[in-house]
Full PDB file with SEQRES, HELIX, SHEET, SSBOND, CRYST1, ORIGX, SCALE, CONECT and MASTER records, all heavy atoms in Angstrom:
SEQRES   1 A   33  ARG PRO LEU ILE SER CYS PRO LEU ILE ARG ALA LEU LEU          
SEQRES   2 A   33  THR LEU LEU ALA LEU VAL TYR ALA ASN LEU GLY ARG LEU          
SEQRES   3 A   33  ALA PRO GLN GLU ALA LEU ALA                                  
HELIX    1 AA1 LEU A    3  SER A    5  5                                   3    
HELIX    2 AA2 PRO A    7  VAL A   19  1                                  13    
HELIX    3 AA3 GLY A   24  LEU A   26  5                                   3    
HELIX    4 AA4 GLN A   29  LEU A   32  1                                   4    
CRYST1    1.000    1.000    1.000  90.00  90.00  90.00 P 1           1          
ORIGX1      1.000000  0.000000  0.000000        0.00000                         
ORIGX2      0.000000  1.000000  0.000000        0.00000                         
ORIGX3      0.000000  0.000000  1.000000        0.00000                         
SCALE1      1.000000  0.000000  0.000000        0.00000                         
SCALE2      0.000000  1.000000  0.000000        0.00000                         
SCALE3      0.000000  0.000000  1.000000        0.00000                         
ATOM      1  N   ARG A   1     223.070-123.766 -45.668  1.00  0.00           N  
ATOM      2  CA  ARG A   1     222.685-122.559 -44.940  1.00  0.00           C  
ATOM      3  C   ARG A   1     221.240-122.216 -45.287  1.00  0.00           C  
ATOM      4  O   ARG A   1     220.772-122.495 -46.388  1.00  0.00           O  
ATOM      5  CB  ARG A   1     223.589-121.383 -45.310  1.00  0.00           C  
ATOM      6  CG  ARG A   1     225.055-121.567 -44.941  1.00  0.00           C  
ATOM      7  CD  ARG A   1     225.820-120.295 -45.218  1.00  0.00           C  
ATOM      8  NE  ARG A   1     227.234-120.426 -44.930  1.00  0.00           N  
ATOM      9  CZ  ARG A   1     228.112-119.435 -45.036  1.00  0.00           C  
ATOM     10  NH1 ARG A   1     227.700-118.240 -45.445  1.00  0.00           N  
ATOM     11  NH2 ARG A   1     229.372-119.630 -44.760  1.00  0.00           N  
ATOM     12  N   PRO A   2     220.531-121.570 -44.375  1.00  0.00           N  
ATOM     13  CA  PRO A   2     219.165-121.146 -44.708  1.00  0.00           C  
ATOM     14  C   PRO A   2     219.173-120.075 -45.787  1.00  0.00           C  
ATOM     15  O   PRO A   2     220.134-119.297 -45.909  1.00  0.00           O  
ATOM     16  CB  PRO A   2     218.627-120.604 -43.372  1.00  0.00           C  
ATOM     17  CG  PRO A   2     219.838-120.240 -42.585  1.00  0.00           C  
ATOM     18  CD  PRO A   2     220.896-121.233 -42.982  1.00  0.00           C  
ATOM     19  N   LEU A   3     218.113-120.032 -46.586  1.00  0.00           N  
ATOM     20  CA  LEU A   3     218.039-119.055 -47.676  1.00  0.00           C  
ATOM     21  C   LEU A   3     218.120-117.624 -47.163  1.00  0.00           C  
ATOM     22  O   LEU A   3     218.652-116.742 -47.842  1.00  0.00           O  
ATOM     23  CB  LEU A   3     216.731-119.255 -48.448  1.00  0.00           C  
ATOM     24  CG  LEU A   3     216.636-120.504 -49.328  1.00  0.00           C  
ATOM     25  CD1 LEU A   3     215.258-120.603 -49.951  1.00  0.00           C  
ATOM     26  CD2 LEU A   3     217.697-120.492 -50.400  1.00  0.00           C  
ATOM     27  N   ILE A   4     217.627-117.385 -45.956  1.00  0.00           N  
ATOM     28  CA  ILE A   4     217.599-116.029 -45.418  1.00  0.00           C  
ATOM     29  C   ILE A   4     219.005-115.509 -45.166  1.00  0.00           C  
ATOM     30  O   ILE A   4     219.216-114.307 -44.989  1.00  0.00           O  
ATOM     31  CB  ILE A   4     216.761-115.997 -44.112  1.00  0.00           C  
ATOM     32  CG1 ILE A   4     216.377-114.552 -43.751  1.00  0.00           C  
ATOM     33  CG2 ILE A   4     217.492-116.679 -42.980  1.00  0.00           C  
ATOM     34  CD1 ILE A   4     215.464-113.902 -44.731  1.00  0.00           C  
ATOM     35  N   SER A   5     220.014-116.397 -45.147  1.00  0.00           N  
ATOM     36  CA  SER A   5     221.385-115.956 -44.938  1.00  0.00           C  
ATOM     37  C   SER A   5     221.975-115.305 -46.182  1.00  0.00           C  
ATOM     38  O   SER A   5     223.027-114.683 -46.119  1.00  0.00           O  
ATOM     39  CB  SER A   5     222.263-117.138 -44.503  1.00  0.00           C  
ATOM     40  OG  SER A   5     222.351-118.091 -45.544  1.00  0.00           O  
ATOM     41  N   CYS A   6     221.312-115.433 -47.315  1.00  0.00           N  
ATOM     42  CA  CYS A   6     221.796-114.845 -48.563  1.00  0.00           C  
ATOM     43  C   CYS A   6     221.302-113.404 -48.678  1.00  0.00           C  
ATOM     44  O   CYS A   6     220.089-113.144 -48.579  1.00  0.00           O  
ATOM     45  CB  CYS A   6     221.308-115.673 -49.751  1.00  0.00           C  
ATOM     46  SG  CYS A   6     221.768-114.977 -51.356  1.00  0.00           S  
ATOM     47  N   PRO A   7     222.175-112.418 -48.879  1.00  0.00           N  
ATOM     48  CA  PRO A   7     221.733-111.011 -48.986  1.00  0.00           C  
ATOM     49  C   PRO A   7     220.722-110.788 -50.102  1.00  0.00           C  
ATOM     50  O   PRO A   7     219.791-109.991 -49.950  1.00  0.00           O  
ATOM     51  CB  PRO A   7     223.036-110.252 -49.247  1.00  0.00           C  
ATOM     52  CG  PRO A   7     224.110-111.131 -48.707  1.00  0.00           C  
ATOM     53  CD  PRO A   7     223.642-112.535 -48.934  1.00  0.00           C  
ATOM     54  N   LEU A   8     220.877-111.489 -51.231  1.00  0.00           N  
ATOM     55  CA  LEU A   8     219.939-111.306 -52.338  1.00  0.00           C  
ATOM     56  C   LEU A   8     218.538-111.762 -51.950  1.00  0.00           C  
ATOM     57  O   LEU A   8     217.541-111.101 -52.292  1.00  0.00           O  
ATOM     58  CB  LEU A   8     220.434-112.074 -53.565  1.00  0.00           C  
ATOM     59  CG  LEU A   8     219.542-111.992 -54.812  1.00  0.00           C  
ATOM     60  CD1 LEU A   8     219.373-110.560 -55.253  1.00  0.00           C  
ATOM     61  CD2 LEU A   8     220.126-112.845 -55.934  1.00  0.00           C  
ATOM     62  N   ILE A   9     218.429-112.869 -51.220  1.00  0.00           N  
ATOM     63  CA  ILE A   9     217.123-113.350 -50.782  1.00  0.00           C  
ATOM     64  C   ILE A   9     216.490-112.358 -49.813  1.00  0.00           C  
ATOM     65  O   ILE A   9     215.295-112.043 -49.905  1.00  0.00           O  
ATOM     66  CB  ILE A   9     217.253-114.736 -50.128  1.00  0.00           C  
ATOM     67  CG1 ILE A   9     217.789-115.764 -51.142  1.00  0.00           C  
ATOM     68  CG2 ILE A   9     215.920-115.198 -49.565  1.00  0.00           C  
ATOM     69  CD1 ILE A   9     216.909-115.989 -52.325  1.00  0.00           C  
ATOM     70  N   ARG A  10     217.278-111.837 -48.877  1.00  0.00           N  
ATOM     71  CA  ARG A  10     216.751-110.838 -47.938  1.00  0.00           C  
ATOM     72  C   ARG A  10     216.290-109.587 -48.673  1.00  0.00           C  
ATOM     73  O   ARG A  10     215.255-108.992 -48.333  1.00  0.00           O  
ATOM     74  CB  ARG A  10     217.820-110.488 -46.904  1.00  0.00           C  
ATOM     75  CG  ARG A  10     218.176-111.629 -45.957  1.00  0.00           C  
ATOM     76  CD  ARG A  10     218.923-111.101 -44.740  1.00  0.00           C  
ATOM     77  NE  ARG A  10     220.188-110.480 -45.107  1.00  0.00           N  
ATOM     78  CZ  ARG A  10     221.353-111.101 -45.152  1.00  0.00           C  
ATOM     79  NH1 ARG A  10     221.408-112.403 -44.861  1.00  0.00           N  
ATOM     80  NH2 ARG A  10     222.453-110.468 -45.477  1.00  0.00           N  
ATOM     81  N   ALA A  11     217.039-109.183 -49.699  1.00  0.00           N  
ATOM     82  CA  ALA A  11     216.647-107.999 -50.467  1.00  0.00           C  
ATOM     83  C   ALA A  11     215.338-108.232 -51.209  1.00  0.00           C  
ATOM     84  O   ALA A  11     214.475-107.343 -51.275  1.00  0.00           O  
ATOM     85  CB  ALA A  11     217.761-107.633 -51.437  1.00  0.00           C  
ATOM     86  N   LEU A  12     215.160-109.432 -51.764  1.00  0.00           N  
ATOM     87  CA  LEU A  12     213.906-109.742 -52.464  1.00  0.00           C  
ATOM     88  C   LEU A  12     212.718-109.729 -51.503  1.00  0.00           C  
ATOM     89  O   LEU A  12     211.634-109.240 -51.842  1.00  0.00           O  
ATOM     90  CB  LEU A  12     214.027-111.099 -53.146  1.00  0.00           C  
ATOM     91  CG  LEU A  12     214.929-111.160 -54.383  1.00  0.00           C  
ATOM     92  CD1 LEU A  12     215.094-112.595 -54.843  1.00  0.00           C  
ATOM     93  CD2 LEU A  12     214.356-110.310 -55.519  1.00  0.00           C  
ATOM     94  N   LEU A  13     212.909-110.264 -50.305  1.00  0.00           N  
ATOM     95  CA  LEU A  13     211.820-110.267 -49.319  1.00  0.00           C  
ATOM     96  C   LEU A  13     211.449-108.844 -48.912  1.00  0.00           C  
ATOM     97  O   LEU A  13     210.268-108.524 -48.725  1.00  0.00           O  
ATOM     98  CB  LEU A  13     212.230-111.086 -48.096  1.00  0.00           C  
ATOM     99  CG  LEU A  13     212.419-112.591 -48.332  1.00  0.00           C  
ATOM    100  CD1 LEU A  13     212.927-113.271 -47.071  1.00  0.00           C  
ATOM    101  CD2 LEU A  13     211.123-113.232 -48.790  1.00  0.00           C  
ATOM    102  N   THR A  14     212.458-107.981 -48.766  1.00  0.00           N  
ATOM    103  CA  THR A  14     212.178-106.572 -48.451  1.00  0.00           C  
ATOM    104  C   THR A  14     211.434-105.906 -49.587  1.00  0.00           C  
ATOM    105  O   THR A  14     210.507-105.109 -49.372  1.00  0.00           O  
ATOM    106  CB  THR A  14     213.495-105.831 -48.170  1.00  0.00           C  
ATOM    107  OG1 THR A  14     214.205-106.494 -47.123  1.00  0.00           O  
ATOM    108  CG2 THR A  14     213.224-104.395 -47.751  1.00  0.00           C  
ATOM    109  N   LEU A  15     211.827-106.249 -50.819  1.00  0.00           N  
ATOM    110  CA  LEU A  15     211.158-105.666 -51.988  1.00  0.00           C  
ATOM    111  C   LEU A  15     209.693-106.093 -52.044  1.00  0.00           C  
ATOM    112  O   LEU A  15     208.808-105.299 -52.416  1.00  0.00           O  
ATOM    113  CB  LEU A  15     211.894-106.098 -53.247  1.00  0.00           C  
ATOM    114  CG  LEU A  15     211.545-105.353 -54.537  1.00  0.00           C  
ATOM    115  CD1 LEU A  15     211.900-103.886 -54.410  1.00  0.00           C  
ATOM    116  CD2 LEU A  15     212.280-105.976 -55.715  1.00  0.00           C  
ATOM    117  N   LEU A  16     209.394-107.341 -51.663  1.00  0.00           N  
ATOM    118  CA  LEU A  16     208.005-107.809 -51.637  1.00  0.00           C  
ATOM    119  C   LEU A  16     207.165-106.998 -50.669  1.00  0.00           C  
ATOM    120  O   LEU A  16     205.989-106.713 -50.917  1.00  0.00           O  
ATOM    121  CB  LEU A  16     207.968-109.294 -51.254  1.00  0.00           C  
ATOM    122  CG  LEU A  16     208.499-110.286 -52.287  1.00  0.00           C  
ATOM    123  CD1 LEU A  16     208.456-111.701 -51.724  1.00  0.00           C  
ATOM    124  CD2 LEU A  16     207.691-110.219 -53.571  1.00  0.00           C  
ATOM    125  N   ALA A  17     207.754-106.609 -49.540  1.00  0.00           N  
ATOM    126  CA  ALA A  17     207.012-105.822 -48.551  1.00  0.00           C  
ATOM    127  C   ALA A  17     206.656-104.443 -49.073  1.00  0.00           C  
ATOM    128  O   ALA A  17     205.668-103.840 -48.632  1.00  0.00           O  
ATOM    129  CB  ALA A  17     207.837-105.699 -47.268  1.00  0.00           C  
ATOM    130  N   LEU A  18     207.434-103.934 -50.034  1.00  0.00           N  
ATOM    131  CA  LEU A  18     207.146-102.617 -50.607  1.00  0.00           C  
ATOM    132  C   LEU A  18     206.146-102.695 -51.761  1.00  0.00           C  
ATOM    133  O   LEU A  18     205.520-101.691 -52.107  1.00  0.00           O  
ATOM    134  CB  LEU A  18     208.445-101.980 -51.107  1.00  0.00           C  
ATOM    135  CG  LEU A  18     209.475-101.637 -50.029  1.00  0.00           C  
ATOM    136  CD1 LEU A  18     210.776-101.189 -50.669  1.00  0.00           C  
ATOM    137  CD2 LEU A  18     208.950-100.560 -49.097  1.00  0.00           C  
ATOM    138  N   VAL A  19     205.997-103.883 -52.350  1.00  0.00           N  
ATOM    139  CA  VAL A  19     205.083-104.045 -53.478  1.00  0.00           C  
ATOM    140  C   VAL A  19     203.717-104.543 -53.024  1.00  0.00           C  
ATOM    141  O   VAL A  19     202.677-104.042 -53.484  1.00  0.00           O  
ATOM    142  CB  VAL A  19     205.680-105.017 -54.512  1.00  0.00           C  
ATOM    143  CG1 VAL A  19     204.683-105.308 -55.634  1.00  0.00           C  
ATOM    144  CG2 VAL A  19     206.972-104.447 -55.085  1.00  0.00           C  
ATOM    145  N   TYR A  20     203.693-105.501 -52.114  1.00  0.00           N  
ATOM    146  CA  TYR A  20     202.447-106.101 -51.651  1.00  0.00           C  
ATOM    147  C   TYR A  20     202.042-105.529 -50.293  1.00  0.00           C  
ATOM    148  O   TYR A  20     202.899-105.151 -49.484  1.00  0.00           O  
ATOM    149  CB  TYR A  20     202.584-107.622 -51.546  1.00  0.00           C  
ATOM    150  CG  TYR A  20     202.852-108.284 -52.868  1.00  0.00           C  
ATOM    151  CD1 TYR A  20     204.162-108.541 -53.274  1.00  0.00           C  
ATOM    152  CD2 TYR A  20     201.823-108.640 -53.726  1.00  0.00           C  
ATOM    153  CE1 TYR A  20     204.430-109.147 -54.494  1.00  0.00           C  
ATOM    154  CE2 TYR A  20     202.077-109.251 -54.947  1.00  0.00           C  
ATOM    155  CZ  TYR A  20     203.381-109.490 -55.322  1.00  0.00           C  
ATOM    156  OH  TYR A  20     203.631-110.085 -56.531  1.00  0.00           O  
ATOM    157  N   ALA A  21     200.748-105.491 -50.034  1.00  0.00           N  
ATOM    158  CA  ALA A  21     200.232-104.897 -48.805  1.00  0.00           C  
ATOM    159  C   ALA A  21     200.380-105.842 -47.618  1.00  0.00           C  
ATOM    160  O   ALA A  21     200.559-107.058 -47.773  1.00  0.00           O  
ATOM    161  CB  ALA A  21     198.754-104.526 -48.993  1.00  0.00           C  
ATOM    162  N   ASN A  22     200.309-105.252 -46.433  1.00  0.00           N  
ATOM    163  CA  ASN A  22     200.276-105.984 -45.153  1.00  0.00           C  
ATOM    164  C   ASN A  22     201.565-106.748 -44.849  1.00  0.00           C  
ATOM    165  O   ASN A  22     201.551-107.728 -44.109  1.00  0.00           O  
ATOM    166  CB  ASN A  22     199.093-106.967 -45.118  1.00  0.00           C  
ATOM    167  CG  ASN A  22     197.763-106.275 -45.333  1.00  0.00           C  
ATOM    168  OD1 ASN A  22     197.536-105.172 -44.811  1.00  0.00           O  
ATOM    169  ND2 ASN A  22     196.889-106.894 -46.106  1.00  0.00           N  
ATOM    170  N   LEU A  23     202.672-106.299 -45.395  1.00  0.00           N  
ATOM    171  CA  LEU A  23     203.956-106.944 -45.113  1.00  0.00           C  
ATOM    172  C   LEU A  23     204.965-105.981 -44.501  1.00  0.00           C  
ATOM    173  O   LEU A  23     206.154-106.279 -44.432  1.00  0.00           O  
ATOM    174  CB  LEU A  23     204.548-107.530 -46.406  1.00  0.00           C  
ATOM    175  CG  LEU A  23     203.727-108.615 -47.103  1.00  0.00           C  
ATOM    176  CD1 LEU A  23     204.405-109.046 -48.396  1.00  0.00           C  
ATOM    177  CD2 LEU A  23     203.537-109.817 -46.191  1.00  0.00           C  
ATOM    178  N   GLY A  24     204.492-104.831 -44.057  1.00  0.00           N  
ATOM    179  CA  GLY A  24     205.399-103.797 -43.569  1.00  0.00           C  
ATOM    180  C   GLY A  24     206.218-104.199 -42.361  1.00  0.00           C  
ATOM    181  O   GLY A  24     207.345-103.731 -42.180  1.00  0.00           O  
ATOM    182  N   ARG A  25     205.681-105.069 -41.521  1.00  0.00           N  
ATOM    183  CA  ARG A  25     206.428-105.484 -40.321  1.00  0.00           C  
ATOM    184  C   ARG A  25     207.659-106.310 -40.672  1.00  0.00           C  
ATOM    185  O   ARG A  25     208.529-106.504 -39.813  1.00  0.00           O  
ATOM    186  CB  ARG A  25     205.515-106.289 -39.398  1.00  0.00           C  
ATOM    187  CG  ARG A  25     204.379-105.466 -38.794  1.00  0.00           C  
ATOM    188  CD  ARG A  25     203.528-106.304 -37.861  1.00  0.00           C  
ATOM    189  NE  ARG A  25     202.493-105.525 -37.212  1.00  0.00           N  
ATOM    190  CZ  ARG A  25     201.299-105.281 -37.752  1.00  0.00           C  
ATOM    191  NH1 ARG A  25     201.014-105.775 -38.953  1.00  0.00           N  
ATOM    192  NH2 ARG A  25     200.409-104.551 -37.106  1.00  0.00           N  
ATOM    193  N   LEU A  26     207.712-106.803 -41.897  1.00  0.00           N  
ATOM    194  CA  LEU A  26     208.842-107.638 -42.307  1.00  0.00           C  
ATOM    195  C   LEU A  26     209.956-106.836 -42.968  1.00  0.00           C  
ATOM    196  O   LEU A  26     210.924-107.420 -43.456  1.00  0.00           O  
ATOM    197  CB  LEU A  26     208.357-108.717 -43.287  1.00  0.00           C  
ATOM    198  CG  LEU A  26     207.231-109.628 -42.789  1.00  0.00           C  
ATOM    199  CD1 LEU A  26     206.839-110.617 -43.875  1.00  0.00           C  
ATOM    200  CD2 LEU A  26     207.670-110.365 -41.528  1.00  0.00           C  
ATOM    201  N   ALA A  27     209.832-105.506 -42.983  1.00  0.00           N  
ATOM    202  CA  ALA A  27     210.819-104.672 -43.681  1.00  0.00           C  
ATOM    203  C   ALA A  27     211.303-103.552 -42.768  1.00  0.00           C  
ATOM    204  O   ALA A  27     210.865-102.408 -42.900  1.00  0.00           O  
ATOM    205  CB  ALA A  27     210.221-104.109 -44.969  1.00  0.00           C  
ATOM    206  N   PRO A  28     212.215-103.842 -41.836  1.00  0.00           N  
ATOM    207  CA  PRO A  28     212.779-102.778 -41.001  1.00  0.00           C  
ATOM    208  C   PRO A  28     213.735-101.899 -41.795  1.00  0.00           C  
ATOM    209  O   PRO A  28     214.089-102.201 -42.940  1.00  0.00           O  
ATOM    210  CB  PRO A  28     213.522-103.555 -39.903  1.00  0.00           C  
ATOM    211  CG  PRO A  28     213.844-104.871 -40.533  1.00  0.00           C  
ATOM    212  CD  PRO A  28     212.723-105.164 -41.475  1.00  0.00           C  
ATOM    213  N   GLN A  29     214.179-100.812 -41.185  1.00  0.00           N  
ATOM    214  CA  GLN A  29     215.019 -99.854 -41.908  1.00  0.00           C  
ATOM    215  C   GLN A  29     216.346-100.463 -42.344  1.00  0.00           C  
ATOM    216  O   GLN A  29     216.820-100.204 -43.451  1.00  0.00           O  
ATOM    217  CB  GLN A  29     215.273 -98.622 -41.033  1.00  0.00           C  
ATOM    218  CG  GLN A  29     214.069 -97.708 -40.888  1.00  0.00           C  
ATOM    219  CD  GLN A  29     214.399 -96.448 -40.107  1.00  0.00           C  
ATOM    220  OE1 GLN A  29     215.423 -96.379 -39.437  1.00  0.00           O  
ATOM    221  NE2 GLN A  29     213.532 -95.447 -40.183  1.00  0.00           N  
ATOM    222  N   GLU A  30     216.966-101.264 -41.472  1.00  0.00           N  
ATOM    223  CA  GLU A  30     218.251-101.844 -41.856  1.00  0.00           C  
ATOM    224  C   GLU A  30     218.111-102.799 -43.042  1.00  0.00           C  
ATOM    225  O   GLU A  30     219.012-102.927 -43.872  1.00  0.00           O  
ATOM    226  CB  GLU A  30     218.889-102.570 -40.670  1.00  0.00           C  
ATOM    227  CG  GLU A  30     218.037-103.677 -40.067  1.00  0.00           C  
ATOM    228  CD  GLU A  30     217.106-103.195 -38.974  1.00  0.00           C  
ATOM    229  OE1 GLU A  30     216.875-101.971 -38.909  1.00  0.00           O  
ATOM    230  OE2 GLU A  30     216.635-104.028 -38.195  1.00  0.00           O  
ATOM    231  N   ALA A  31     216.932-103.466 -43.142  1.00  0.00           N  
ATOM    232  CA  ALA A  31     216.698-104.346 -44.280  1.00  0.00           C  
ATOM    233  C   ALA A  31     216.535-103.535 -45.562  1.00  0.00           C  
ATOM    234  O   ALA A  31     216.972-103.966 -46.635  1.00  0.00           O  
ATOM    235  CB  ALA A  31     215.468-105.215 -44.037  1.00  0.00           C  
ATOM    236  N   LEU A  32     215.910-102.357 -45.440  1.00  0.00           N  
ATOM    237  CA  LEU A  32     215.748-101.509 -46.613  1.00  0.00           C  
ATOM    238  C   LEU A  32     217.099-101.016 -47.115  1.00  0.00           C  
ATOM    239  O   LEU A  32     217.346-100.980 -48.326  1.00  0.00           O  
ATOM    240  CB  LEU A  32     214.850-100.322 -46.274  1.00  0.00           C  
ATOM    241  CG  LEU A  32     214.630 -99.369 -47.450  1.00  0.00           C  
ATOM    242  CD1 LEU A  32     213.584 -99.932 -48.380  1.00  0.00           C  
ATOM    243  CD2 LEU A  32     214.276 -97.987 -46.991  1.00  0.00           C  
ATOM    244  N   ALA A  33     217.975-100.645 -46.196  1.00  0.00           N  
ATOM    245  CA  ALA A  33     219.305-100.183 -46.609  1.00  0.00           C  
ATOM    246  C   ALA A  33     220.045-101.279 -47.360  1.00  0.00           C  
ATOM    247  O   ALA A  33     220.686-101.019 -48.391  1.00  0.00           O  
ATOM    248  CB  ALA A  33     220.097 -99.746 -45.365  1.00  0.00           C  
TER     249      ALA A  33                                                      
MASTER        0    0    0    4    0    0    0    6  248    1    0    3          
END                                                                             
């Protein structure tokens, strides 16, 4: 399965968008929840 199918991987990617700049488009509200 692709890594993006894992909830932990998706959560880490969302966390990166909150720490690093210019990644806001990759973190929608449902991903934040």
